[in-house]
Amino acid sequence: MDHRLPTNQLKWIGLTGLICLFACAFAASLLFGRTPLTLSSALGAFTAYDETSIQHVVIHTERLPRSIIGAVIGASLAVAGGLMQALTRNPLASPSLFGINSGALFFVVVATIFWSITSLTHLMWFAFLGASLAALVVYGLSSLGRDGLTPMKMVLAGAALTALFSSFTQAILVFDEVGMQDVLFWLAGSVSGRPLEMLLPVLPFISVSIIIALLMGKSINLLASGDDVARGLGQNIALVKISMGILIVLLAGSSVAVVGAIGFIGLVIPHIARFFTGNDYRWVLPFSALMGAILLLCSDVVARLIIIPQEVPIGVMTACIGGPFFLYLARKGVTKK
């Protein structure tokens, strides 16, 4: 059965429905948690703020920042995953599976422990550097051999690099238990306790990258049809690929710099988006952005409620969703394409 929305009009309706779902998920993120809130108290926190009200303080200092951060990072990771799958023509591609997240996290750990860097602005650049290096290494390793660049080789290279960076990170933390306390902030992969000020330095990078990605939808469609076809239609293939690579690094590096390594959103969400839109990236990317934000917000709500008063790291929740989905893709033989 074809579940794809057949016309642009229906796709606009679907996009509007996702916006409504996003609004509901954002509202749920504000209301549910260790301290239950009512809708009236949440509205009052914005219309008639009372600094003596615990509920109003919770909204402004805890729930609102983590909801905004969760929405932005969810959209960022989903768009990065969609771009990576289009760039590599590999349905198993994502920043977490291709070593980009682990590379960014490793450089953050090194900067924090060896150079005592704690400024988010500085750590952001280290995250970008790690993400860029990981992307270049995976691309280089995957291009070796007679067959050149293939989806299977990229998966294997990404898995190997992820294991390598993760091992280095764990080795550093084993020998520096004091420094480990400083980087648990990123290792946990959580939006809990993040002030809104953490998002502000990277927000311009994420916003501009997502906007450019959405504007590149037509060019990405041409690229997905094959290099020869795209070149024949006058597209500058090298420029498009380099631009997509830069956008992926900016989106993934920014996300790791703020919330740590949260995996599988970039893998799962683009597939769900294509389930409804087909392979038209003019629609896949905006659908992915909204779905990624919704998934991360809902995962965060579940993470707060599952073992009250404690919280499960949101990375665990996304892994619970993404792990089975990855196995499903493997079972369907996606890697054979």
Protein backbone atom coordinates (compact mmCIF):
# COMPACT_ATOMS: atom_id res chain seq x y z
CA MET A 1 0.00 0.00 0.00
CA ASP A 2 1.34 3.42 -0.99
CA HIS A 3 1.25 5.76 2.01
CA ARG A 4 2.90 8.66 0.19
CA LEU A 5 0.95 11.88 -0.08
CA PRO A 6 0.19 12.17 -3.82
CA THR A 7 -0.04 15.92 -4.36
CA ASN A 8 1.66 19.05 -3.08
CA GLN A 9 -1.65 20.16 -1.59
CA LEU A 10 -1.84 17.03 0.55
CA LYS A 11 1.79 17.46 1.53
CA TRP A 12 1.04 20.97 2.73
CA ILE A 13 -1.81 19.51 4.77
CA GLY A 14 0.60 16.93 6.18
CA LEU A 15 3.10 19.66 7.03
CA THR A 16 0.36 21.62 8.78
CA GLY A 17 -0.58 18.51 10.75
CA LEU A 18 3.04 18.09 11.83
CA ILE A 19 3.12 21.70 13.01
CA CYS A 20 0.05 20.96 15.17
CA LEU A 21 1.71 17.81 16.54
CA PHE A 22 4.83 19.82 17.27
CA ALA A 23 2.77 22.36 19.21
CA CYS A 24 1.22 19.52 21.25
CA ALA A 25 4.63 17.95 21.93
CA PHE A 26 6.06 21.32 22.98
CA ALA A 27 3.10 21.88 25.32
CA ALA A 28 3.54 18.40 26.81
CA SER A 29 7.22 19.16 27.38
CA LEU A 30 6.23 22.24 29.35
CA LEU A 31 3.56 20.49 31.43
CA PHE A 32 4.91 17.04 32.31
CA GLY A 33 7.81 16.18 34.57
CA ARG A 34 8.84 15.74 38.17
CA THR A 35 6.69 18.75 39.09
CA PRO A 36 3.29 18.37 37.37
CA LEU A 37 1.83 21.58 36.00
CA THR A 38 -1.60 22.57 34.79
CA LEU A 39 -2.31 24.29 31.50
CA SER A 40 -3.60 27.38 33.30
CA SER A 41 -0.43 27.71 35.37
CA ALA A 42 1.71 27.29 32.26
CA LEU A 43 -0.21 30.00 30.44
CA GLY A 44 0.01 32.20 33.52
CA ALA A 45 3.79 31.88 33.49
CA PHE A 46 3.80 33.75 30.18
CA THR A 47 0.88 36.14 30.64
CA ALA A 48 1.24 37.06 34.33
CA TYR A 49 4.61 35.87 35.59
CA ASP A 50 4.87 35.60 39.38
CA GLU A 51 8.40 35.07 40.67
CA THR A 52 7.01 33.70 43.94
CA SER A 53 5.19 30.90 42.12
CA ILE A 54 7.19 27.67 42.01
CA GLN A 55 5.33 26.55 38.90
CA HIS A 56 6.14 29.77 37.05
CA VAL A 57 9.80 29.54 38.04
CA VAL A 58 9.95 25.90 36.89
CA ILE A 59 8.51 26.89 33.51
CA HIS A 60 10.96 29.73 32.91
CA THR A 61 14.14 28.24 34.36
CA GLU A 62 13.77 24.54 33.48
CA ARG A 63 10.95 23.47 31.18
CA LEU A 64 11.05 26.26 28.58
CA PRO A 65 14.84 26.15 27.97
CA ARG A 66 14.96 22.36 27.64
CA SER A 67 11.90 22.36 25.37
CA ILE A 68 13.41 24.94 23.03
CA ILE A 69 16.77 23.16 23.04
CA GLY A 70 15.11 19.79 22.44
CA ALA A 71 13.09 21.11 19.50
CA VAL A 72 16.06 22.82 17.84
CA ILE A 73 18.47 19.93 18.33
CA GLY A 74 15.90 17.36 17.19
CA ALA A 75 15.33 19.29 13.97
CA SER A 76 19.08 19.76 13.50
CA LEU A 77 19.91 16.06 13.86
CA ALA A 78 17.05 14.97 11.60
CA VAL A 79 18.02 17.37 8.81
CA ALA A 80 21.68 16.34 9.15
CA GLY A 81 20.63 12.70 8.77
CA GLY A 82 18.51 13.46 5.72
CA LEU A 83 21.37 15.36 4.09
CA MET A 84 23.83 12.57 4.83
CA GLN A 85 21.56 9.88 3.38
CA ALA A 86 21.08 11.98 0.25
CA LEU A 87 24.78 12.79 -0.09
CA THR A 88 25.94 9.18 0.30
CA ARG A 89 22.85 7.59 -1.28
CA ASN A 90 22.99 5.29 1.72
CA PRO A 91 19.79 4.75 3.74
CA LEU A 92 21.86 3.68 6.77
CA ALA A 93 23.79 6.95 6.92
CA SER A 94 23.50 9.21 9.96
CA PRO A 95 25.88 11.40 11.99
CA SER A 96 25.89 8.86 14.84
CA LEU A 97 26.58 5.80 12.67
CA PHE A 98 29.26 7.47 10.54
CA GLY A 99 31.47 8.58 13.42
CA ILE A 100 30.64 12.29 13.20
CA ASN A 101 29.02 12.44 16.63
CA SER A 102 31.74 10.36 18.31
CA GLY A 103 34.45 12.43 16.60
CA ALA A 104 32.92 15.68 17.81
CA LEU A 105 32.50 14.28 21.31
CA PHE A 106 36.10 13.03 21.42
CA PHE A 107 37.47 16.48 20.59
CA VAL A 108 35.22 18.05 23.23
CA VAL A 109 36.57 15.60 25.82
CA VAL A 110 40.18 16.30 24.81
CA ALA A 111 39.66 20.06 24.96
CA THR A 112 37.96 19.85 28.35
CA ILE A 113 40.39 17.51 30.09
CA PHE A 114 43.77 18.39 28.56
CA TRP A 115 43.33 22.12 28.02
CA SER A 116 40.68 22.84 30.68
CA ILE A 117 38.45 24.57 28.15
CA THR A 118 34.93 25.06 29.48
CA SER A 119 33.59 27.87 27.28
CA LEU A 120 30.80 26.60 25.04
CA THR A 121 31.92 28.93 22.25
CA HIS A 122 35.39 27.36 22.24
CA LEU A 123 34.10 23.81 22.68
CA MET A 124 31.77 24.37 19.75
CA TRP A 125 34.75 24.83 17.44
CA PHE A 126 36.40 21.69 18.81
CA ALA A 127 33.16 19.81 18.13
CA PHE A 128 33.14 21.14 14.56
CA LEU A 129 36.78 20.11 14.13
CA GLY A 130 36.07 16.58 15.39
CA ALA A 131 33.00 16.24 13.20
CA SER A 132 34.91 17.48 10.13
CA LEU A 133 37.83 15.13 10.73
CA ALA A 134 35.51 12.15 11.18
CA ALA A 135 33.64 12.95 7.97
CA LEU A 136 36.88 13.27 5.99
CA VAL A 137 38.32 10.03 7.38
CA VAL A 138 35.14 8.05 6.63
CA TYR A 139 35.00 9.45 3.11
CA GLY A 140 38.68 8.69 2.54
CA LEU A 141 38.52 5.13 3.85
CA SER A 142 35.35 4.41 1.90
CA SER A 143 36.94 5.58 -1.35
CA LEU A 144 39.80 3.09 -1.18
CA GLY A 145 39.82 -0.02 -3.35
CA ARG A 146 38.63 -0.90 -6.83
CA ASP A 147 34.93 -0.32 -6.28
CA GLY A 148 35.43 3.19 -4.99
CA LEU A 149 32.82 4.69 -2.70
CA THR A 150 30.05 2.20 -1.82
CA PRO A 151 27.31 2.25 0.85
CA MET A 152 28.62 -0.90 2.54
CA LYS A 153 32.16 0.46 2.78
CA MET A 154 30.85 3.70 4.28
CA VAL A 155 28.89 1.78 6.91
CA LEU A 156 31.95 -0.29 7.83
CA ALA A 157 34.27 2.73 7.89
CA GLY A 158 31.78 4.68 10.01
CA ALA A 159 31.36 1.82 12.46
CA ALA A 160 35.13 1.38 12.77
CA LEU A 161 35.72 5.10 13.32
CA THR A 162 32.91 5.31 15.86
CA ALA A 163 34.46 2.43 17.81
CA LEU A 164 37.91 4.05 17.58
CA PHE A 165 36.81 7.47 18.83
CA SER A 166 34.65 5.91 21.56
CA SER A 167 37.60 3.80 22.75
CA PHE A 168 39.89 6.84 22.86
CA THR A 169 37.27 8.79 24.78
CA GLN A 170 36.80 6.02 27.35
CA ALA A 171 40.57 5.57 27.73
CA ILE A 172 41.04 9.26 28.50
CA LEU A 173 38.25 9.21 31.06
CA VAL A 174 39.62 6.08 32.76
CA PHE A 175 42.90 7.87 33.46
CA ASP A 176 41.25 11.12 34.54
CA GLU A 177 38.32 10.43 36.85
CA VAL A 178 38.23 14.05 38.02
CA GLY A 179 37.94 15.33 34.46
CA MET A 180 35.21 12.80 33.81
CA GLN A 181 32.85 14.80 36.00
CA ASP A 182 33.27 17.78 33.67
CA VAL A 183 32.44 15.89 30.48
CA LEU A 184 29.55 13.80 31.81
CA PHE A 185 27.60 16.87 30.69
CA TRP A 186 28.11 15.75 27.08
CA LEU A 187 28.52 12.00 27.54
CA ALA A 188 25.02 11.66 29.00
CA GLY A 189 23.35 12.93 25.84
CA SER A 190 20.62 14.85 27.63
CA VAL A 191 18.79 18.17 27.43
CA SER A 192 18.29 18.23 31.20
CA GLY A 193 19.95 21.12 33.01
CA ARG A 194 20.91 22.97 29.84
CA PRO A 195 20.30 26.71 30.15
CA LEU A 196 19.08 28.55 27.09
CA GLU A 197 22.39 30.43 27.01
CA MET A 198 24.04 27.20 25.84
CA LEU A 199 22.01 27.19 22.65
CA LEU A 200 22.52 30.83 21.69
CA PRO A 201 26.14 30.57 20.39
CA VAL A 202 25.23 27.74 17.97
CA LEU A 203 21.69 28.84 17.10
CA PRO A 204 22.81 30.99 14.14
CA PHE A 205 24.77 28.05 12.67
CA ILE A 206 21.84 25.66 13.08
CA SER A 207 19.22 28.10 11.79
CA VAL A 208 21.19 29.17 8.72
CA SER A 209 22.20 25.57 7.95
CA ILE A 210 18.60 24.32 8.09
CA ILE A 211 17.38 27.20 5.92
CA ILE A 212 20.09 26.58 3.31
CA ALA A 213 19.33 22.85 3.37
CA LEU A 214 15.64 23.53 2.70
CA LEU A 215 16.53 25.86 -0.17
CA MET A 216 18.79 23.17 -1.68
CA GLY A 217 15.96 20.65 -2.02
CA LYS A 218 15.83 20.84 -5.83
CA SER A 219 19.61 20.48 -6.16
CA ILE A 220 19.59 17.51 -3.80
CA ASN A 221 16.89 15.86 -5.92
CA LEU A 222 19.10 16.19 -8.99
CA LEU A 223 22.07 14.77 -7.09
CA ALA A 224 19.99 11.82 -5.91
CA SER A 225 19.17 10.96 -9.53
CA GLY A 226 22.86 10.25 -10.20
CA ASP A 227 26.00 12.25 -10.89
CA ASP A 228 25.76 11.83 -14.66
CA VAL A 229 22.16 13.02 -14.81
CA ALA A 230 22.85 15.96 -12.50
CA ARG A 231 25.93 16.95 -14.48
CA GLY A 232 23.99 16.68 -17.72
CA LEU A 233 21.39 19.09 -16.35
CA GLY A 234 24.09 21.63 -15.59
CA GLN A 235 24.50 21.11 -11.86
CA ASN A 236 27.84 21.83 -10.20
CA ILE A 237 28.10 18.48 -8.42
CA ALA A 238 31.26 19.28 -6.47
CA LEU A 239 29.78 22.51 -5.10
CA VAL A 240 26.54 20.81 -4.03
CA LYS A 241 28.36 17.92 -2.32
CA ILE A 242 30.79 20.21 -0.51
CA SER A 243 27.93 22.44 0.61
CA MET A 244 25.98 19.45 1.93
CA GLY A 245 29.07 18.18 3.75
CA ILE A 246 29.61 21.55 5.43
CA LEU A 247 25.95 21.71 6.48
CA ILE A 248 26.12 18.20 7.97
CA VAL A 249 29.22 19.09 9.99
CA LEU A 250 27.69 22.35 11.23
CA LEU A 251 24.42 20.69 12.27
CA ALA A 252 25.99 17.63 13.91
CA GLY A 253 28.83 19.57 15.54
CA SER A 254 26.46 22.18 16.97
CA SER A 255 24.16 19.51 18.36
CA VAL A 256 26.97 17.63 20.10
CA ALA A 257 28.35 20.88 21.52
CA VAL A 258 25.02 21.59 23.24
CA VAL A 259 23.51 18.25 24.28
CA GLY A 260 26.18 15.63 23.71
CA ALA A 261 25.86 12.52 21.57
CA ILE A 262 22.20 11.71 20.88
CA GLY A 263 21.97 8.99 18.28
CA PHE A 264 19.50 7.47 15.83
CA ILE A 265 17.34 10.54 15.20
CA GLY A 266 19.30 11.22 12.03
CA LEU A 267 18.79 7.59 10.97
CA VAL A 268 15.12 7.05 11.78
CA ILE A 269 13.41 10.34 10.97
CA PRO A 270 14.38 10.73 7.27
CA HIS A 271 12.98 7.24 6.60
CA ILE A 272 9.67 8.14 8.24
CA ALA A 273 9.56 11.39 6.26
CA ARG A 274 10.20 9.59 2.95
CA PHE A 275 7.46 7.11 3.86
CA PHE A 276 4.99 9.97 3.36
CA THR A 277 6.72 12.25 0.86
CA GLY A 278 8.70 9.90 -1.37
CA ASN A 279 12.24 10.92 -2.34
CA ASP A 280 11.48 14.58 -3.04
CA TYR A 281 13.89 16.38 -0.72
CA ARG A 282 11.96 19.62 -1.09
CA TRP A 283 9.51 17.86 1.24
CA VAL A 284 11.69 15.28 2.98
CA LEU A 285 13.81 17.89 4.77
CA PRO A 286 10.98 20.07 6.21
CA PHE A 287 9.06 16.94 7.23
CA SER A 288 12.25 15.61 8.84
CA ALA A 289 12.88 18.83 10.75
CA LEU A 290 9.42 18.80 12.33
CA MET A 291 9.44 15.06 12.98
CA GLY A 292 12.89 15.26 14.57
CA ALA A 293 11.76 18.02 16.90
CA ILE A 294 8.62 16.06 17.82
CA LEU A 295 10.55 12.83 18.48
CA LEU A 296 13.13 14.48 20.72
CA LEU A 297 10.48 16.39 22.69
CA CYS A 298 8.39 13.24 23.20
CA SER A 299 11.47 11.19 24.12
CA ASP A 300 12.41 13.81 26.69
CA VAL A 301 8.93 13.72 28.24
CA VAL A 302 9.06 9.92 28.52
CA ALA A 303 12.60 10.11 29.94
CA ARG A 304 11.33 12.37 32.74
CA LEU A 305 8.34 10.20 33.64
CA ILE A 306 9.63 6.65 33.34
CA ILE A 307 11.45 6.47 36.71
CA ILE A 308 10.32 9.53 38.69
CA PRO A 309 12.03 11.26 40.50
CA GLN A 310 15.08 10.26 38.42
CA GLU A 311 15.48 10.90 34.70
CA VAL A 312 16.68 8.56 31.97
CA PRO A 313 19.22 10.17 29.59
CA ILE A 314 17.41 11.06 26.42
CA GLY A 315 20.09 9.29 24.40
CA VAL A 316 18.88 6.02 25.94
CA MET A 317 15.32 6.70 24.82
CA THR A 318 16.31 7.51 21.23
CA ALA A 319 18.51 4.39 21.17
CA CYS A 320 15.54 2.27 22.26
CA ILE A 321 13.67 3.59 19.22
CA GLY A 322 16.54 3.67 16.75
CA GLY A 323 18.17 0.33 17.60
CA PRO A 324 15.23 -1.87 16.53
CA PHE A 325 14.67 0.36 13.50
CA PHE A 326 18.29 -0.12 12.42
CA LEU A 327 17.87 -3.91 12.71
CA TYR A 328 14.67 -3.65 10.68
CA LEU A 329 16.51 -1.84 7.88
CA ALA A 330 19.30 -4.40 7.93
CA ARG A 331 16.77 -7.24 7.77
CA LYS A 332 15.12 -5.65 4.76
CA GLY A 333 18.43 -5.84 2.99
CA VAL A 334 18.97 -2.12 2.63
CA THR A 335 22.72 -2.60 2.74
CA LYS A 336 22.57 -4.68 -0.46
CA LYS A 337 21.47 -1.72 -2.56
